[in-house]
Amino acid sequence: MAEKKTPLRKCIGCNEMKDKKELIRIVRSKEGEMSIDPVGKMPGRGAYICKCVECFDASVKAKRLERAFKTRIPDEIYTQLRTALETL
């Protein structure tokens, strides 16, 4: 039996390729709502990030989330995502 390939995704914070299961998906829905997708199946545009806060801070500083979602992100959404990452 053939071995399954594990999908790789790039972290937008540290730009390293990692297994999809090691990363967290941040999703922007069609309505413009941003949330963390723990399962990885929510509809919408997604970006992957490591589970560490340092990668999140690097992505915020370089505005990589705004580039990935092609929109401006308010500061309160950044704080909500940061607190959600700290609880994981």
N, C-alpha and C. Protein backbone atom coordinates (compact mmCIF):
# COMPACT_ATOMS: atom_id res chain seq x y z
N MET A 1 0.84 -1.18 0.00
CA MET A 1 0.00 0.00 0.00
C MET A 1 0.89 1.25 0.00
N ALA A 2 0.55 2.19 -0.83
CA ALA A 2 1.34 3.41 -0.96
C ALA A 2 1.15 4.30 0.26
N GLU A 3 2.22 4.96 0.63
CA GLU A 3 2.18 5.87 1.78
C GLU A 3 1.58 7.20 1.34
N LYS A 4 0.69 7.75 2.16
CA LYS A 4 0.06 9.04 1.84
C LYS A 4 1.04 10.17 2.02
N LYS A 5 0.97 11.14 1.11
CA LYS A 5 1.78 12.35 1.26
C LYS A 5 1.12 13.26 2.27
N THR A 6 1.93 13.87 3.11
CA THR A 6 1.38 14.86 4.03
C THR A 6 1.48 16.22 3.35
N PRO A 7 0.38 16.96 3.31
CA PRO A 7 0.41 18.26 2.64
C PRO A 7 1.28 19.26 3.41
N LEU A 8 2.05 20.04 2.67
CA LEU A 8 2.90 21.06 3.26
C LEU A 8 2.31 22.44 2.98
N ARG A 9 2.44 23.31 3.96
CA ARG A 9 2.01 24.70 3.82
C ARG A 9 3.12 25.60 4.35
N LYS A 10 3.13 26.84 3.88
CA LYS A 10 4.16 27.79 4.30
C LYS A 10 3.60 28.71 5.38
N CYS A 11 4.34 28.84 6.46
CA CYS A 11 3.99 29.76 7.53
C CYS A 11 4.26 31.18 7.04
N ILE A 12 3.29 32.07 7.22
CA ILE A 12 3.49 33.45 6.75
C ILE A 12 4.34 34.26 7.72
N GLY A 13 4.64 33.69 8.89
CA GLY A 13 5.48 34.39 9.85
C GLY A 13 6.96 34.14 9.64
N CYS A 14 7.34 32.85 9.59
CA CYS A 14 8.75 32.49 9.46
C CYS A 14 9.12 32.00 8.06
N ASN A 15 8.14 31.88 7.17
CA ASN A 15 8.34 31.44 5.78
C ASN A 15 8.95 30.04 5.67
N GLU A 16 8.65 29.16 6.61
CA GLU A 16 9.13 27.78 6.55
C GLU A 16 8.00 26.87 6.12
N MET A 17 8.34 25.87 5.31
CA MET A 17 7.38 24.87 4.90
C MET A 17 7.26 23.83 6.01
N LYS A 18 6.03 23.57 6.45
CA LYS A 18 5.78 22.61 7.52
C LYS A 18 4.55 21.78 7.17
N ASP A 19 4.37 20.70 7.92
CA ASP A 19 3.16 19.90 7.73
C ASP A 19 1.93 20.73 8.04
N LYS A 20 0.88 20.48 7.32
CA LYS A 20 -0.36 21.23 7.49
C LYS A 20 -0.90 21.10 8.91
N LYS A 21 -0.71 19.95 9.53
CA LYS A 21 -1.23 19.70 10.88
C LYS A 21 -0.46 20.46 11.95
N GLU A 22 0.74 20.91 11.65
CA GLU A 22 1.55 21.66 12.62
C GLU A 22 1.18 23.14 12.63
N LEU A 23 0.44 23.60 11.63
CA LEU A 23 0.13 25.02 11.49
C LEU A 23 -1.34 25.29 11.82
N ILE A 24 -1.63 26.56 12.05
CA ILE A 24 -3.00 27.01 12.32
C ILE A 24 -3.45 27.82 11.11
N ARG A 25 -4.68 27.62 10.70
CA ARG A 25 -5.22 28.35 9.55
C ARG A 25 -6.05 29.54 10.04
N ILE A 26 -5.76 30.70 9.49
CA ILE A 26 -6.54 31.90 9.76
C ILE A 26 -7.38 32.14 8.51
N VAL A 27 -8.68 32.34 8.71
CA VAL A 27 -9.62 32.41 7.58
C VAL A 27 -10.32 33.76 7.55
N ARG A 28 -10.51 34.26 6.32
CA ARG A 28 -11.36 35.43 6.10
C ARG A 28 -12.54 34.97 5.26
N SER A 29 -13.73 35.11 5.81
CA SER A 29 -14.94 34.67 5.10
C SER A 29 -15.33 35.68 4.04
N LYS A 30 -16.33 35.36 3.26
CA LYS A 30 -16.81 36.26 2.22
C LYS A 30 -17.38 37.54 2.81
N GLU A 31 -17.88 37.46 4.04
CA GLU A 31 -18.43 38.64 4.72
C GLU A 31 -17.33 39.52 5.29
N GLY A 32 -16.09 39.05 5.29
CA GLY A 32 -14.97 39.84 5.79
C GLY A 32 -14.60 39.52 7.23
N GLU A 33 -15.23 38.52 7.83
CA GLU A 33 -14.93 38.15 9.21
C GLU A 33 -13.66 37.30 9.26
N MET A 34 -12.79 37.61 10.22
CA MET A 34 -11.55 36.86 10.39
C MET A 34 -11.68 35.96 11.61
N SER A 35 -11.20 34.72 11.49
CA SER A 35 -11.25 33.79 12.61
C SER A 35 -10.17 32.73 12.43
N ILE A 36 -9.93 32.01 13.52
CA ILE A 36 -8.99 30.89 13.49
C ILE A 36 -9.78 29.64 13.18
N ASP A 37 -9.28 28.86 12.24
CA ASP A 37 -9.94 27.63 11.81
C ASP A 37 -9.18 26.45 12.41
N PRO A 38 -9.69 25.87 13.50
CA PRO A 38 -8.95 24.78 14.15
C PRO A 38 -8.94 23.49 13.34
N VAL A 39 -9.96 23.27 12.51
CA VAL A 39 -10.06 22.02 11.75
C VAL A 39 -9.41 22.15 10.37
N GLY A 40 -9.42 23.34 9.80
CA GLY A 40 -8.84 23.55 8.49
C GLY A 40 -9.81 23.34 7.35
N LYS A 41 -11.11 23.38 7.63
CA LYS A 41 -12.12 23.10 6.61
C LYS A 41 -13.11 24.24 6.38
N MET A 42 -12.97 25.35 7.09
CA MET A 42 -13.92 26.45 6.94
C MET A 42 -13.80 27.07 5.56
N PRO A 43 -14.92 27.51 4.99
CA PRO A 43 -14.85 28.15 3.68
C PRO A 43 -14.27 29.55 3.79
N GLY A 44 -13.57 29.97 2.77
CA GLY A 44 -12.99 31.30 2.74
C GLY A 44 -11.51 31.24 2.42
N ARG A 45 -10.93 32.40 2.30
CA ARG A 45 -9.50 32.50 1.99
C ARG A 45 -8.72 32.26 3.26
N GLY A 46 -7.67 31.46 3.19
CA GLY A 46 -6.91 31.10 4.38
C GLY A 46 -5.44 31.39 4.26
N ALA A 47 -4.82 31.55 5.41
CA ALA A 47 -3.38 31.71 5.52
C ALA A 47 -2.93 30.88 6.71
N TYR A 48 -1.76 30.29 6.61
CA TYR A 48 -1.26 29.40 7.65
C TYR A 48 -0.16 30.07 8.44
N ILE A 49 -0.15 29.77 9.75
CA ILE A 49 0.85 30.35 10.65
C ILE A 49 1.20 29.34 11.72
N CYS A 50 2.43 29.40 12.22
CA CYS A 50 2.87 28.51 13.29
C CYS A 50 2.07 28.79 14.56
N LYS A 51 2.13 27.89 15.50
CA LYS A 51 1.38 28.05 16.75
C LYS A 51 2.09 28.96 17.75
N CYS A 52 3.21 29.55 17.37
CA CYS A 52 3.93 30.43 18.29
C CYS A 52 3.57 31.89 18.02
N VAL A 53 3.62 32.68 19.06
CA VAL A 53 3.25 34.09 18.98
C VAL A 53 4.31 34.89 18.21
N GLU A 54 5.56 34.41 18.23
CA GLU A 54 6.63 35.13 17.54
C GLU A 54 6.37 35.18 16.03
N CYS A 55 5.89 34.09 15.46
CA CYS A 55 5.57 34.08 14.02
C CYS A 55 4.41 35.02 13.72
N PHE A 56 3.44 35.07 14.63
CA PHE A 56 2.32 35.98 14.44
C PHE A 56 2.79 37.42 14.47
N ASP A 57 3.65 37.74 15.42
CA ASP A 57 4.17 39.11 15.52
C ASP A 57 4.98 39.49 14.28
N ALA A 58 5.76 38.55 13.74
CA ALA A 58 6.53 38.82 12.53
C ALA A 58 5.62 39.06 11.34
N SER A 59 4.52 38.31 11.26
CA SER A 59 3.60 38.50 10.14
C SER A 59 2.84 39.82 10.24
N VAL A 60 2.55 40.25 11.47
CA VAL A 60 1.88 41.54 11.66
C VAL A 60 2.82 42.69 11.31
N LYS A 61 4.06 42.57 11.75
CA LYS A 61 5.04 43.63 11.50
C LYS A 61 5.29 43.81 10.00
N ALA A 62 5.35 42.73 9.26
CA ALA A 62 5.62 42.80 7.82
C ALA A 62 4.33 42.91 7.00
N LYS A 63 3.19 42.97 7.68
CA LYS A 63 1.87 43.09 7.02
C LYS A 63 1.61 41.94 6.05
N ARG A 64 2.04 40.74 6.43
CA ARG A 64 1.84 39.58 5.57
C ARG A 64 0.40 39.09 5.58
N LEU A 65 -0.29 39.27 6.70
CA LEU A 65 -1.71 38.89 6.73
C LEU A 65 -2.52 39.77 5.79
N GLU A 66 -2.23 41.06 5.78
CA GLU A 66 -2.95 41.96 4.88
C GLU A 66 -2.68 41.62 3.42
N ARG A 67 -1.45 41.21 3.13
CA ARG A 67 -1.11 40.83 1.77
C ARG A 67 -1.78 39.51 1.39
N ALA A 68 -1.84 38.58 2.33
CA ALA A 68 -2.46 37.28 2.03
C ALA A 68 -3.96 37.40 1.81
N PHE A 69 -4.61 38.29 2.57
CA PHE A 69 -6.06 38.44 2.45
C PHE A 69 -6.48 39.57 1.52
N LYS A 70 -5.50 40.30 1.00
CA LYS A 70 -5.75 41.38 0.04
C LYS A 70 -6.73 42.43 0.57
N THR A 71 -6.59 42.76 1.85
CA THR A 71 -7.43 43.76 2.48
C THR A 71 -6.73 44.33 3.71
N ARG A 72 -7.18 45.49 4.16
CA ARG A 72 -6.64 46.07 5.39
C ARG A 72 -7.32 45.43 6.58
N ILE A 73 -6.53 45.10 7.60
CA ILE A 73 -7.06 44.42 8.78
C ILE A 73 -7.00 45.39 9.96
N PRO A 74 -8.14 45.62 10.65
CA PRO A 74 -8.15 46.52 11.81
C PRO A 74 -7.33 45.96 12.98
N ASP A 75 -6.87 46.86 13.84
CA ASP A 75 -6.04 46.47 14.99
C ASP A 75 -6.78 45.56 15.96
N GLU A 76 -8.09 45.75 16.13
CA GLU A 76 -8.82 44.91 17.09
C GLU A 76 -8.88 43.45 16.64
N ILE A 77 -8.84 43.20 15.35
CA ILE A 77 -8.81 41.82 14.86
C ILE A 77 -7.45 41.20 15.16
N TYR A 78 -6.38 41.99 15.02
CA TYR A 78 -5.05 41.50 15.38
C TYR A 78 -5.00 41.11 16.86
N THR A 79 -5.59 41.91 17.73
CA THR A 79 -5.56 41.58 19.16
C THR A 79 -6.40 40.34 19.45
N GLN A 80 -7.54 40.18 18.76
CA GLN A 80 -8.36 38.98 18.95
C GLN A 80 -7.61 37.73 18.50
N LEU A 81 -6.94 37.81 17.36
CA LEU A 81 -6.19 36.66 16.87
C LEU A 81 -5.01 36.34 17.78
N ARG A 82 -4.37 37.37 18.30
CA ARG A 82 -3.23 37.15 19.19
C ARG A 82 -3.67 36.46 20.49
N THR A 83 -4.77 36.89 21.08
CA THR A 83 -5.26 36.25 22.31
C THR A 83 -5.69 34.82 22.03
N ALA A 84 -6.27 34.58 20.87
CA ALA A 84 -6.68 33.22 20.52
C ALA A 84 -5.45 32.32 20.34
N LEU A 85 -4.39 32.86 19.77
CA LEU A 85 -3.15 32.07 19.62
C LEU A 85 -2.49 31.80 20.97
N GLU A 86 -2.57 32.75 21.87
CA GLU A 86 -1.95 32.55 23.19
C GLU A 86 -2.67 31.47 23.99
N THR A 87 -3.94 31.27 23.75
CA THR A 87 -4.69 30.25 24.49
C THR A 87 -4.46 28.84 23.94
N LEU A 88 -3.93 28.74 22.72
CA LEU A 88 -3.69 27.41 22.14
C LEU A 88 -2.51 26.74 22.72
